[in-house]
Amino acid sequence: MKIVDMHCDTLSEIWARRRKGKEVHLRENSLQLDLNRMKKRGYLLQNFALFVDLGGCEDPWECVLDQYALYCRELEANRDRIAPVFAYEDVEANEAAGRMSAMLTVEEGAVCGGESAKLQRLYEMGVRMLTLTWNYPNELGHPNLNARRAEQLQVSGEDPKEFLFTPDTEKGLTDRGREFVEEMERLGMIVDVSHLSDRGFYDVLACTQKPFVASHSNARGVGRCVRNLTDHMIRSLGERGGCMGLNYCVDFLMADASQPMGSARDKEDVVRDIMDAAVCHARHISNVGGVDVLGLGSDFDGIEVNEALPGVQSIGKLWDALHKAGFTSGELDKIFAENVLRVYRDILKTGG
């Protein structure tokens, strides 16, 4: 079993903990992901996001550069285990050398401040995927889960379901966002629409020619949270040759995000309910968009611990659950690695 995961926040979590004086490393830690457990489970490639929360960072560009420096130090310290990916051929070369691959991504397009020169700099640093928004509007576009709207609801005492279940169908990409997306295609940087508004998804679909991804999003037809994709989005993504990564966040997996644990009364029930939900999302996505549209996007260390999938060590349980539910070994090979690798082969340029 080869494993490719399109999204984790482990580097950013290590960075945040180090800023608080804690000694945490990528090789071995108590987080949801580390290199030792990845190696043991058969990981081929992990995307490492440099995540910037605009609500807690004075200078997003400096924050991303600081995290990048940590990424470089960690990869150098672990060069016997893992090496960076700049072009698709690097994945094959790393595998031949017995090393895992690390692909650098950025989660929050606002780090560029709308400046093309900064986008170019990210590419030169090795960033090969950019999540256009997180949970704040920025120079490029608008998210579905707007953190500022959530704050307003909390202050006013309004029903939070409006935040969780009401998509933004009016505000999408800005003119600058469209220009950025076109430039990303030219560079060979993958466009990531996870977190983006519904309108933004269709704006990306309209102004791109190549495949794009939703690196860590599930199916809204199963879990109603607007961080998930509608059936029409899933079909459109599949028709474009793109891919979406199954997200292990319980709130996105369960049918009603306001009741993430359902009626479960003990840990065994919780684990079964969550794994069943993950299987339902995988089956729905593959039924709607075809099995070729589905990959993995764990969101490890960016989400609360999922009792069914608490870390990389549990990935075999997901394989087993999906296989038991009727997915063939060939289909699982696609979901766990081949579908994402196909997109990377299409987009990542030689000699990046």
Protein backbone atom coordinates (compact mmCIF):
# COMPACT_ATOMS: atom_id res chain seq x y z
CA MET A 1 0.00 0.00 0.00
CA LYS A 2 1.37 3.37 -1.09
CA ILE A 3 -0.03 6.49 0.59
CA VAL A 4 -0.21 10.04 -0.72
CA ASP A 5 -1.86 12.66 1.49
CA MET A 6 -2.70 16.09 0.06
CA HIS A 7 -2.90 18.03 3.33
CA CYS A 8 -1.57 18.15 6.87
CA ASP A 9 -0.78 21.06 9.21
CA THR A 10 1.97 19.29 11.15
CA LEU A 11 4.78 21.71 10.25
CA SER A 12 2.67 24.69 11.28
CA GLU A 13 1.73 22.97 14.54
CA ILE A 14 5.41 22.26 15.27
CA TRP A 15 6.19 25.91 14.49
CA ALA A 16 3.43 27.13 16.82
CA ARG A 17 4.58 24.88 19.66
CA ARG A 18 8.20 25.90 19.27
CA ARG A 19 7.19 29.53 19.56
CA LYS A 20 5.81 28.59 22.97
CA GLY A 21 9.15 27.06 23.96
CA LYS A 22 8.26 23.41 23.33
CA GLU A 23 10.79 21.11 21.69
CA VAL A 24 8.93 19.27 18.92
CA HIS A 25 10.40 17.62 15.84
CA LEU A 26 9.09 16.09 12.64
CA ARG A 27 10.94 12.78 12.93
CA GLU A 28 9.16 11.62 16.08
CA ASN A 29 6.52 13.39 18.13
CA SER A 30 3.19 13.00 19.93
CA LEU A 31 1.23 14.82 17.22
CA GLN A 32 -1.00 13.12 14.64
CA LEU A 33 1.85 12.70 12.14
CA ASP A 34 5.58 12.10 12.24
CA LEU A 35 8.14 10.62 9.86
CA ASN A 36 8.76 7.43 11.81
CA ARG A 37 5.10 6.45 11.72
CA MET A 38 4.78 7.54 8.08
CA LYS A 39 7.69 5.30 7.10
CA LYS A 40 6.26 2.35 8.98
CA ARG A 41 2.85 2.72 7.30
CA GLY A 42 4.22 3.00 3.76
CA TYR A 43 3.82 6.69 2.96
CA LEU A 44 5.09 7.70 -0.45
CA LEU A 45 4.33 11.44 -0.34
CA GLN A 46 2.99 13.92 2.18
CA ASN A 47 1.94 17.49 1.43
CA PHE A 48 3.10 19.79 4.24
CA ALA A 49 1.11 23.01 4.50
CA LEU A 50 2.52 26.29 5.73
CA PHE A 51 -0.69 27.51 7.37
CA VAL A 52 -1.22 31.14 8.34
CA ASP A 53 -4.18 32.25 10.47
CA LEU A 54 -4.84 35.88 9.54
CA GLY A 55 -6.60 36.36 12.86
CA GLY A 56 -3.43 35.59 14.80
CA CYS A 57 -0.58 36.83 12.62
CA GLU A 58 0.54 40.45 12.21
CA ASP A 59 2.58 39.85 9.04
CA PRO A 60 1.42 36.83 7.02
CA TRP A 61 4.43 36.92 4.71
CA GLU A 62 6.90 36.87 7.60
CA CYS A 63 4.93 34.03 9.22
CA VAL A 64 5.12 31.91 6.09
CA LEU A 65 8.84 32.60 5.68
CA ASP A 66 9.47 31.63 9.28
CA GLN A 67 7.60 28.35 8.79
CA TYR A 68 9.49 27.75 5.55
CA ALA A 69 12.79 28.06 7.41
CA LEU A 70 11.56 25.41 9.86
CA TYR A 71 10.55 23.17 6.95
CA CYS A 72 14.03 23.45 5.45
CA ARG A 73 15.71 22.65 8.77
CA GLU A 74 13.50 19.63 9.36
CA LEU A 75 14.04 18.22 5.89
CA GLU A 76 17.80 18.69 6.22
CA ALA A 77 17.79 16.96 9.61
CA ASN A 78 15.81 14.06 8.12
CA ARG A 79 17.32 13.79 4.64
CA ASP A 80 17.80 10.05 5.20
CA ARG A 81 14.01 9.66 5.43
CA ILE A 82 12.41 12.32 3.24
CA ALA A 83 13.26 14.73 0.41
CA PRO A 84 11.42 17.62 -1.27
CA VAL A 85 9.42 17.48 -4.49
CA PHE A 86 9.78 20.23 -7.08
CA ALA A 87 8.74 18.26 -10.17
CA TYR A 88 6.92 14.96 -10.56
CA GLU A 89 10.14 13.15 -11.42
CA ASP A 90 11.37 13.88 -7.89
CA VAL A 91 8.68 11.58 -6.48
CA GLU A 92 10.01 8.70 -8.54
CA ALA A 93 13.65 9.53 -7.73
CA ASN A 94 12.96 9.73 -4.00
CA GLU A 95 11.13 6.42 -4.05
CA ALA A 96 14.00 4.77 -5.92
CA ALA A 97 16.38 6.10 -3.26
CA GLY A 98 14.22 4.66 -0.47
CA ARG A 99 13.01 8.05 0.75
CA MET A 100 9.56 9.51 1.21
CA SER A 101 8.61 12.72 -0.58
CA ALA A 102 7.54 16.05 0.90
CA MET A 103 5.56 18.53 -1.17
CA LEU A 104 5.37 22.06 0.17
CA THR A 105 2.02 23.87 0.12
CA VAL A 106 0.62 27.11 1.52
CA GLU A 107 -2.79 27.32 3.16
CA GLU A 108 -3.88 30.97 2.90
CA GLY A 109 -3.43 32.92 -0.32
CA ALA A 110 -3.30 36.19 1.63
CA VAL A 111 0.37 35.56 2.44
CA CYS A 112 1.11 37.04 -1.00
CA GLY A 113 -0.85 40.22 -0.34
CA GLY A 114 -1.99 40.08 -3.95
CA GLU A 115 1.62 40.49 -5.18
CA SER A 116 2.69 38.34 -8.14
CA ALA A 117 6.32 38.65 -7.07
CA LYS A 118 5.51 36.86 -3.82
CA LEU A 119 3.70 34.10 -5.68
CA GLN A 120 6.80 33.68 -7.81
CA ARG A 121 8.93 33.60 -4.65
CA LEU A 122 6.74 30.86 -3.17
CA TYR A 123 7.26 28.82 -6.32
CA GLU A 124 11.01 29.31 -6.10
CA MET A 125 10.86 28.11 -2.46
CA GLY A 126 9.26 24.88 -3.67
CA VAL A 127 5.59 25.60 -2.99
CA ARG A 128 3.62 23.51 -5.47
CA MET A 129 0.07 23.99 -4.18
CA LEU A 130 -1.75 27.05 -2.86
CA THR A 131 -5.06 26.98 -0.95
CA LEU A 132 -6.54 30.25 -2.16
CA THR A 133 -8.32 31.14 1.11
CA TRP A 134 -8.63 29.85 4.62
CA ASN A 135 -11.53 31.17 6.73
CA TYR A 136 -11.11 34.87 5.94
CA PRO A 137 -11.75 36.90 2.79
CA ASN A 138 -8.51 37.99 1.17
CA GLU A 139 -7.17 39.67 -1.96
CA LEU A 140 -7.91 36.55 -4.00
CA GLY A 141 -11.40 35.55 -2.94
CA HIS A 142 -13.93 34.56 -0.31
CA PRO A 143 -14.30 31.44 1.87
CA ASN A 144 -17.45 29.50 2.71
CA LEU A 145 -16.74 29.44 6.45
CA ASN A 146 -16.05 33.11 7.16
CA ALA A 147 -14.46 33.44 10.62
CA ARG A 148 -15.56 37.07 10.89
CA ARG A 149 -19.17 36.01 10.34
CA ALA A 150 -18.77 33.34 13.02
CA GLU A 151 -17.57 36.01 15.46
CA GLN A 152 -20.62 38.14 14.67
CA LEU A 153 -22.96 35.21 15.29
CA GLN A 154 -21.28 34.45 18.60
CA VAL A 155 -21.65 38.04 19.79
CA SER A 156 -25.28 38.28 18.67
CA GLY A 157 -26.23 34.84 19.99
CA GLU A 158 -27.61 33.77 16.59
CA ASP A 159 -27.84 30.15 15.49
CA PRO A 160 -24.33 28.95 14.46
CA LYS A 161 -25.88 26.60 11.88
CA GLU A 162 -26.14 29.60 9.59
CA PHE A 163 -22.35 29.66 9.61
CA LEU A 164 -21.87 25.92 9.18
CA PHE A 165 -24.55 25.14 6.65
CA THR A 166 -25.06 28.27 4.51
CA PRO A 167 -22.69 28.50 1.52
CA ASP A 168 -21.57 31.74 -0.09
CA THR A 169 -22.97 31.59 -3.60
CA GLU A 170 -22.42 35.27 -4.42
CA LYS A 171 -18.84 36.21 -3.49
CA GLY A 172 -16.12 34.27 -5.30
CA LEU A 173 -12.72 35.12 -6.75
CA THR A 174 -11.67 38.72 -7.08
CA ASP A 175 -10.19 40.01 -10.32
CA ARG A 176 -6.78 39.62 -8.65
CA GLY A 177 -7.71 36.09 -7.69
CA ARG A 178 -8.45 35.19 -11.29
CA GLU A 179 -5.08 36.61 -12.33
CA PHE A 180 -3.35 34.59 -9.61
CA VAL A 181 -5.04 31.37 -10.69
CA GLU A 182 -3.95 31.93 -14.28
CA GLU A 183 -0.40 32.65 -13.13
CA MET A 184 -0.40 29.51 -10.99
CA GLU A 185 -1.31 27.44 -14.04
CA ARG A 186 1.51 29.05 -15.98
CA LEU A 187 4.03 28.34 -13.22
CA GLY A 188 2.92 24.77 -12.60
CA MET A 189 1.46 25.38 -9.14
CA ILE A 190 -1.68 23.42 -8.21
CA VAL A 191 -4.81 25.43 -7.43
CA ASP A 192 -6.53 24.24 -4.22
CA VAL A 193 -10.18 25.20 -3.70
CA SER A 194 -10.69 23.72 -0.21
CA HIS A 195 -12.16 26.47 2.03
CA LEU A 196 -13.18 28.53 -1.01
CA SER A 197 -16.79 29.71 -1.39
CA ASP A 198 -19.21 27.93 -3.72
CA ARG A 199 -19.04 30.86 -6.12
CA GLY A 200 -15.26 30.77 -5.92
CA PHE A 201 -15.20 27.10 -6.93
CA TYR A 202 -17.08 27.87 -10.11
CA ASP A 203 -14.90 30.91 -10.80
CA VAL A 204 -11.84 28.64 -10.65
CA LEU A 205 -13.57 26.14 -12.92
CA ALA A 206 -14.29 28.92 -15.43
CA CYS A 207 -10.85 30.54 -15.52
CA THR A 208 -8.65 27.43 -15.55
CA GLN A 209 -7.77 24.87 -18.19
CA LYS A 210 -5.87 22.30 -16.14
CA PRO A 211 -6.95 19.99 -13.30
CA PHE A 212 -7.23 21.51 -9.82
CA VAL A 213 -7.88 20.00 -6.39
CA ALA A 214 -9.87 20.32 -3.20
CA SER A 215 -7.06 19.02 -1.02
CA HIS A 216 -9.07 18.35 2.14
CA SER A 217 -12.84 18.39 1.52
CA ASN A 218 -15.65 15.85 1.77
CA ALA A 219 -19.15 15.43 0.24
CA ARG A 220 -21.94 17.82 1.21
CA GLY A 221 -24.43 15.17 0.13
CA VAL A 222 -23.37 13.20 3.23
CA GLY A 223 -22.16 15.87 5.68
CA ARG A 224 -23.96 19.20 5.33
CA CYS A 225 -21.11 21.48 6.43
CA VAL A 226 -20.27 23.89 3.62
CA ARG A 227 -16.59 22.97 3.82
CA ASN A 228 -17.69 19.94 1.82
CA LEU A 229 -18.36 19.88 -1.93
CA THR A 230 -21.76 19.55 -3.58
CA ASP A 231 -22.45 16.72 -6.00
CA HIS A 232 -22.22 19.10 -8.95
CA MET A 233 -18.82 20.32 -7.75
CA ILE A 234 -17.60 16.74 -7.36
CA ARG A 235 -18.71 15.86 -10.89
CA SER A 236 -17.15 19.05 -12.29
CA LEU A 237 -13.87 18.33 -10.51
CA GLY A 238 -13.83 14.79 -11.86
CA GLU A 239 -14.63 15.90 -15.40
CA ARG A 240 -11.70 18.33 -15.23
CA GLY A 241 -9.39 15.50 -14.14
CA GLY A 242 -8.92 16.92 -10.65
CA CYS A 243 -9.00 15.27 -7.26
CA MET A 244 -10.39 15.83 -3.75
CA GLY A 245 -8.85 14.61 -0.51
CA LEU A 246 -10.99 12.80 2.07
CA ASN A 247 -10.80 14.94 5.23
CA TYR A 248 -10.80 13.14 8.61
CA CYS A 249 -12.34 16.04 10.55
CA VAL A 250 -15.32 14.64 12.48
CA ASP A 251 -17.43 17.77 11.98
CA PHE A 252 -17.06 17.43 8.21
CA LEU A 253 -17.64 13.67 8.20
CA MET A 254 -20.79 13.42 10.29
CA ALA A 255 -24.19 14.12 8.74
CA ASP A 256 -24.99 17.01 11.08
CA ALA A 257 -21.88 19.01 11.97
CA SER A 258 -23.61 20.46 15.03
CA GLN A 259 -23.92 16.91 16.44
CA PRO A 260 -20.56 15.35 15.55
CA MET A 261 -20.84 12.35 17.86
CA GLY A 262 -24.41 11.42 16.95
CA SER A 263 -26.01 9.11 19.55
CA ALA A 264 -22.81 7.29 20.47
CA ARG A 265 -22.46 6.45 24.16
CA ASP A 266 -18.93 5.04 24.42
CA LYS A 267 -15.65 5.13 22.55
CA GLU A 268 -16.34 1.95 20.59
CA ASP A 269 -19.59 3.43 19.27
CA VAL A 270 -17.85 6.70 18.41
CA VAL A 271 -15.11 4.94 16.46
CA ARG A 272 -17.64 2.85 14.53
CA ASP A 273 -19.86 5.84 13.73
CA ILE A 274 -16.98 7.98 12.50
CA MET A 275 -15.46 5.24 10.36
CA ASP A 276 -18.88 4.49 8.90
CA ALA A 277 -19.21 8.18 8.02
CA ALA A 278 -15.80 8.19 6.31
CA VAL A 279 -16.84 5.17 4.26
CA CYS A 280 -20.13 6.88 3.32
CA HIS A 281 -18.26 9.95 2.07
CA ALA A 282 -15.83 7.85 0.06
CA ARG A 283 -18.63 5.82 -1.52
CA HIS A 284 -20.72 8.92 -2.28
CA ILE A 285 -17.80 10.78 -3.85
CA SER A 286 -16.80 7.82 -6.02
CA ASN A 287 -20.42 7.20 -7.06
CA VAL A 288 -20.97 10.84 -8.02
CA GLY A 289 -17.63 11.79 -9.58
CA GLY A 290 -16.06 8.42 -10.32
CA VAL A 291 -13.41 6.68 -8.23
CA ASP A 292 -10.68 8.65 -10.05
CA VAL A 293 -11.73 11.88 -8.30
CA LEU A 294 -11.06 10.63 -4.76
CA GLY A 295 -7.82 10.87 -2.79
CA LEU A 296 -6.72 11.48 0.78
CA GLY A 297 -6.46 14.85 2.57
CA SER A 298 -6.26 13.93 6.24
CA ASP A 299 -5.89 17.45 7.69
CA PHE A 300 -3.74 15.86 10.42
CA ASP A 301 -2.70 18.35 13.11
CA GLY A 302 -5.16 20.88 11.73
CA ILE A 303 -8.13 19.08 13.29
CA GLU A 304 -9.12 17.68 16.66
CA VAL A 305 -8.15 14.04 17.16
CA ASN A 306 -10.51 11.72 15.31
CA GLU A 307 -11.01 8.65 17.53
CA ALA A 308 -11.32 6.39 14.49
CA LEU A 309 -8.32 7.87 12.65
CA PRO A 310 -6.17 9.48 15.36
CA GLY A 311 -2.95 9.61 13.36
CA VAL A 312 -0.92 8.19 10.50
CA GLN A 313 -0.57 4.90 12.38
CA SER A 314 -4.28 4.22 11.80
CA ILE A 315 -4.35 4.57 8.00
CA GLY A 316 -4.56 0.80 7.56
CA LYS A 317 -7.90 0.83 9.37
CA LEU A 318 -9.32 3.16 6.74
CA TRP A 319 -8.10 0.85 3.97
CA ASP A 320 -9.69 -2.13 5.71
CA ALA A 321 -13.00 -0.34 6.26
CA LEU A 322 -13.21 0.74 2.63
CA HIS A 323 -12.25 -2.71 1.39
CA LYS A 324 -14.90 -4.28 3.62
CA ALA A 325 -17.43 -1.82 2.17
CA GLY A 326 -16.79 -3.11 -1.34
CA PHE A 327 -13.93 -1.04 -2.76
CA THR A 328 -11.56 -3.29 -4.71
CA SER A 329 -7.81 -3.33 -4.11
CA GLY A 330 -7.32 -1.58 -7.44
CA GLU A 331 -9.78 1.16 -6.51
CA LEU A 332 -8.08 1.60 -3.13
CA ASP A 333 -4.69 1.92 -4.83
CA LYS A 334 -6.19 4.81 -6.79
CA ILE A 335 -7.71 6.47 -3.72
CA PHE A 336 -4.65 6.09 -1.51
CA ALA A 337 -2.09 7.28 -4.08
CA GLU A 338 -2.61 6.95 -7.81
CA ASN A 339 -5.33 9.56 -8.35
CA VAL A 340 -3.35 12.32 -6.66
CA LEU A 341 -0.15 11.26 -8.42
CA ARG A 342 -1.97 11.54 -11.76
CA VAL A 343 -2.79 15.19 -11.03
CA TYR A 344 0.76 15.89 -9.92
CA ARG A 345 2.11 14.28 -13.07
CA ASP A 346 -0.13 16.54 -15.14
CA ILE A 347 0.76 19.79 -13.36
CA LEU A 348 4.24 19.68 -11.84
CA LYS A 349 6.84 20.79 -14.34
CA THR A 350 10.18 19.14 -14.89
CA GLY A 351 13.09 21.07 -13.46
CA GLY A 352 10.91 23.29 -11.23
